[in-house]
């Protein structure tokens, strides 16, 4: 189960790169039709980096990885709200990350 969750976190994180690429015009991103300001592009990159850090923390068995999971889900969801029309389905991944984080905190994971 941990491997599947790690893969979900990494895939979700990789998708955040699209917001960074779009904001800085590094490539054409047809999937994102809403303009992304550069400051938000930096936050999309940070969301990616936090997701990678979360995957590493889980893989290495860090005790408080759940706190990072809550941060990742929160930052990501704020960004998704800023590009809702294009990114709304990322809320599903954020919901899963949030639920797993809460389950870990409650001792049920």
C-alpha atoms as a PDB file:
ATOM      1  CA  UNK A   1       0.000   0.000   0.000  1.00  0.00           C
ATOM      2  CA  UNK A   2       2.842   2.413   0.766  1.00  0.00           C
ATOM      3  CA  UNK A   3       4.307   1.932  -2.720  1.00  0.00           C
ATOM      4  CA  UNK A   4       0.992   2.781  -4.363  1.00  0.00           C
ATOM      5  CA  UNK A   5       0.664   5.877  -2.184  1.00  0.00           C
ATOM      6  CA  UNK A   6       4.233   6.958  -2.945  1.00  0.00           C
ATOM      7  CA  UNK A   7       3.556   6.573  -6.673  1.00  0.00           C
ATOM      8  CA  UNK A   8       0.359   8.623  -6.371  1.00  0.00           C
ATOM      9  CA  UNK A   9       2.246  11.381  -4.544  1.00  0.00           C
ATOM     10  CA  UNK A  10       5.021  11.391  -7.163  1.00  0.00           C
ATOM     11  CA  UNK A  11       2.605  11.430 -10.100  1.00  0.00           C
ATOM     12  CA  UNK A  12       0.592  14.206  -8.501  1.00  0.00           C
ATOM     13  CA  UNK A  13       3.803  16.117  -7.856  1.00  0.00           C
ATOM     14  CA  UNK A  14       4.970  15.716 -11.441  1.00  0.00           C
ATOM     15  CA  UNK A  15       1.719  17.199 -12.693  1.00  0.00           C
ATOM     16  CA  UNK A  16       2.510  20.344 -10.694  1.00  0.00           C
ATOM     17  CA  UNK A  17       5.488  20.912 -12.992  1.00  0.00           C
ATOM     18  CA  UNK A  18       2.986  21.845 -15.711  1.00  0.00           C
ATOM     19  CA  UNK A  19       1.958  24.957 -13.774  1.00  0.00           C
ATOM     20  CA  UNK A  20       5.583  26.030 -13.444  1.00  0.00           C
ATOM     21  CA  UNK A  21       6.292  25.399 -17.128  1.00  0.00           C
ATOM     22  CA  UNK A  22       3.167  27.306 -18.172  1.00  0.00           C
ATOM     23  CA  UNK A  23       3.914  30.281 -15.927  1.00  0.00           C
ATOM     24  CA  UNK A  24       7.432  30.729 -17.272  1.00  0.00           C
ATOM     25  CA  UNK A  25       6.629  29.879 -20.892  1.00  0.00           C
ATOM     26  CA  UNK A  26       9.155  27.042 -20.967  1.00  0.00           C
ATOM     27  CA  UNK A  27       6.872  24.975 -23.189  1.00  0.00           C
ATOM     28  CA  UNK A  28       3.362  25.090 -24.548  1.00  0.00           C
ATOM     29  CA  UNK A  29       0.964  23.439 -22.102  1.00  0.00           C
ATOM     30  CA  UNK A  30      -2.322  23.008 -23.943  1.00  0.00           C
ATOM     31  CA  UNK A  31      -3.919  21.302 -20.936  1.00  0.00           C
ATOM     32  CA  UNK A  32      -3.753  24.559 -18.959  1.00  0.00           C
ATOM     33  CA  UNK A  33      -5.861  27.244 -20.586  1.00  0.00           C
ATOM     34  CA  UNK A  34      -5.894  29.679 -17.660  1.00  0.00           C
ATOM     35  CA  UNK A  35      -2.892  32.051 -17.457  1.00  0.00           C
ATOM     36  CA  UNK A  36      -0.604  31.385 -14.496  1.00  0.00           C
ATOM     37  CA  UNK A  37       1.333  34.336 -13.049  1.00  0.00           C
ATOM     38  CA  UNK A  38       5.036  33.724 -12.395  1.00  0.00           C
ATOM     39  CA  UNK A  39       4.627  33.938  -8.613  1.00  0.00           C
ATOM     40  CA  UNK A  40       2.081  31.129  -8.771  1.00  0.00           C
ATOM     41  CA  UNK A  41       4.384  29.257 -11.129  1.00  0.00           C
ATOM     42  CA  UNK A  42       6.994  29.285  -8.390  1.00  0.00           C
ATOM     43  CA  UNK A  43       4.401  27.899  -5.981  1.00  0.00           C
ATOM     44  CA  UNK A  44       3.576  25.135  -8.498  1.00  0.00           C
ATOM     45  CA  UNK A  45       7.292  24.261  -8.468  1.00  0.00           C
ATOM     46  CA  UNK A  46       7.323  24.306  -4.666  1.00  0.00           C
ATOM     47  CA  UNK A  47       4.320  21.961  -4.639  1.00  0.00           C
ATOM     48  CA  UNK A  48       6.297  19.594  -6.865  1.00  0.00           C
ATOM     49  CA  UNK A  49       9.335  19.741  -4.559  1.00  0.00           C
ATOM     50  CA  UNK A  50       7.172  19.192  -1.472  1.00  0.00           C
ATOM     51  CA  UNK A  51       5.580  16.174  -3.162  1.00  0.00           C
ATOM     52  CA  UNK A  52       8.990  14.661  -3.887  1.00  0.00           C
ATOM     53  CA  UNK A  53      10.049  15.348  -0.296  1.00  0.00           C
ATOM     54  CA  UNK A  54       6.872  13.643   0.914  1.00  0.00           C
ATOM     55  CA  UNK A  55       7.511  10.561  -1.229  1.00  0.00           C
ATOM     56  CA  UNK A  56      11.083  10.338   0.102  1.00  0.00           C
ATOM     57  CA  UNK A  57       9.909  10.820   3.697  1.00  0.00           C
ATOM     58  CA  UNK A  58       7.392   7.999   3.339  1.00  0.00           C
ATOM     59  CA  UNK A  59       9.922   5.708   1.655  1.00  0.00           C
ATOM     60  CA  UNK A  60      12.470   6.350   4.404  1.00  0.00           C
ATOM     61  CA  UNK A  61       9.886   5.864   7.131  1.00  0.00           C
ATOM     62  CA  UNK A  62      10.104   9.314   8.713  1.00  0.00           C
ATOM     63  CA  UNK A  63       7.785   9.361  11.692  1.00  0.00           C
ATOM     64  CA  UNK A  64       6.100  12.697  10.978  1.00  0.00           C
ATOM     65  CA  UNK A  65       5.666  12.400   7.208  1.00  0.00           C
ATOM     66  CA  UNK A  66       1.957  12.922   7.727  1.00  0.00           C
ATOM     67  CA  UNK A  67       2.605  16.593   8.575  1.00  0.00           C
ATOM     68  CA  UNK A  68       4.290  17.048   5.215  1.00  0.00           C
ATOM     69  CA  UNK A  69       1.346  15.255   3.570  1.00  0.00           C
ATOM     70  CA  UNK A  70      -1.056  17.782   5.076  1.00  0.00           C
ATOM     71  CA  UNK A  71       1.148  20.637   3.848  1.00  0.00           C
ATOM     72  CA  UNK A  72       1.385  19.167   0.337  1.00  0.00           C
ATOM     73  CA  UNK A  73      -2.377  18.704   0.097  1.00  0.00           C
ATOM     74  CA  UNK A  74      -3.029  22.242   1.348  1.00  0.00           C
ATOM     75  CA  UNK A  75      -0.535  23.996  -0.945  1.00  0.00           C
ATOM     76  CA  UNK A  76      -1.650  21.934  -3.910  1.00  0.00           C
ATOM     77  CA  UNK A  77      -5.333  22.596  -3.289  1.00  0.00           C
ATOM     78  CA  UNK A  78      -4.781  26.351  -3.062  1.00  0.00           C
ATOM     79  CA  UNK A  79      -3.042  26.197  -6.442  1.00  0.00           C
ATOM     80  CA  UNK A  80      -5.798  24.048  -7.888  1.00  0.00           C
ATOM     81  CA  UNK A  81      -8.378  26.613  -6.775  1.00  0.00           C
ATOM     82  CA  UNK A  82      -6.373  29.252  -8.671  1.00  0.00           C
ATOM     83  CA  UNK A  83      -6.686  27.182 -11.880  1.00  0.00           C
ATOM     84  CA  UNK A  84      -9.892  25.333 -11.068  1.00  0.00           C
ATOM     85  CA  UNK A  85     -11.178  24.927 -14.619  1.00  0.00           C
ATOM     86  CA  UNK A  86      -8.001  23.135 -15.706  1.00  0.00           C
ATOM     87  CA  UNK A  87      -6.812  21.472 -12.509  1.00  0.00           C
ATOM     88  CA  UNK A  88      -9.928  20.501 -10.545  1.00  0.00           C
ATOM     89  CA  UNK A  89      -9.299  16.762 -10.836  1.00  0.00           C
ATOM     90  CA  UNK A  90      -6.105  17.173  -8.805  1.00  0.00           C
ATOM     91  CA  UNK A  91      -8.473  17.623  -5.863  1.00  0.00           C
ATOM     92  CA  UNK A  92      -9.025  13.864  -5.914  1.00  0.00           C
ATOM     93  CA  UNK A  93      -5.325  13.207  -5.318  1.00  0.00           C
ATOM     94  CA  UNK A  94      -5.257  15.904  -2.639  1.00  0.00           C
ATOM     95  CA  UNK A  95      -8.247  14.293  -0.962  1.00  0.00           C
ATOM     96  CA  UNK A  96      -6.482  10.935  -0.901  1.00  0.00           C
ATOM     97  CA  UNK A  97      -3.285  12.496   0.473  1.00  0.00           C
ATOM     98  CA  UNK A  98      -5.300  14.338   3.116  1.00  0.00           C
ATOM     99  CA  UNK A  99      -7.272  11.244   4.165  1.00  0.00           C
ATOM    100  CA  UNK A 100      -4.117   9.134   4.450  1.00  0.00           C
ATOM    101  CA  UNK A 101      -2.451  11.872   6.500  1.00  0.00           C
ATOM    102  CA  UNK A 102      -5.422  12.030   8.858  1.00  0.00           C
ATOM    103  CA  UNK A 103      -5.527   8.224   9.145  1.00  0.00           C
ATOM    104  CA  UNK A 104      -1.852   8.181  10.094  1.00  0.00           C
ATOM    105  CA  UNK A 105      -2.374  10.847  12.749  1.00  0.00           C
ATOM    106  CA  UNK A 106      -5.313   8.908  14.182  1.00  0.00           C
ATOM    107  CA  UNK A 107      -3.276   5.697  14.245  1.00  0.00           C
ATOM    108  CA  UNK A 108      -5.500   3.884  11.759  1.00  0.00           C
ATOM    109  CA  UNK A 109      -2.925   3.584   8.954  1.00  0.00           C
END
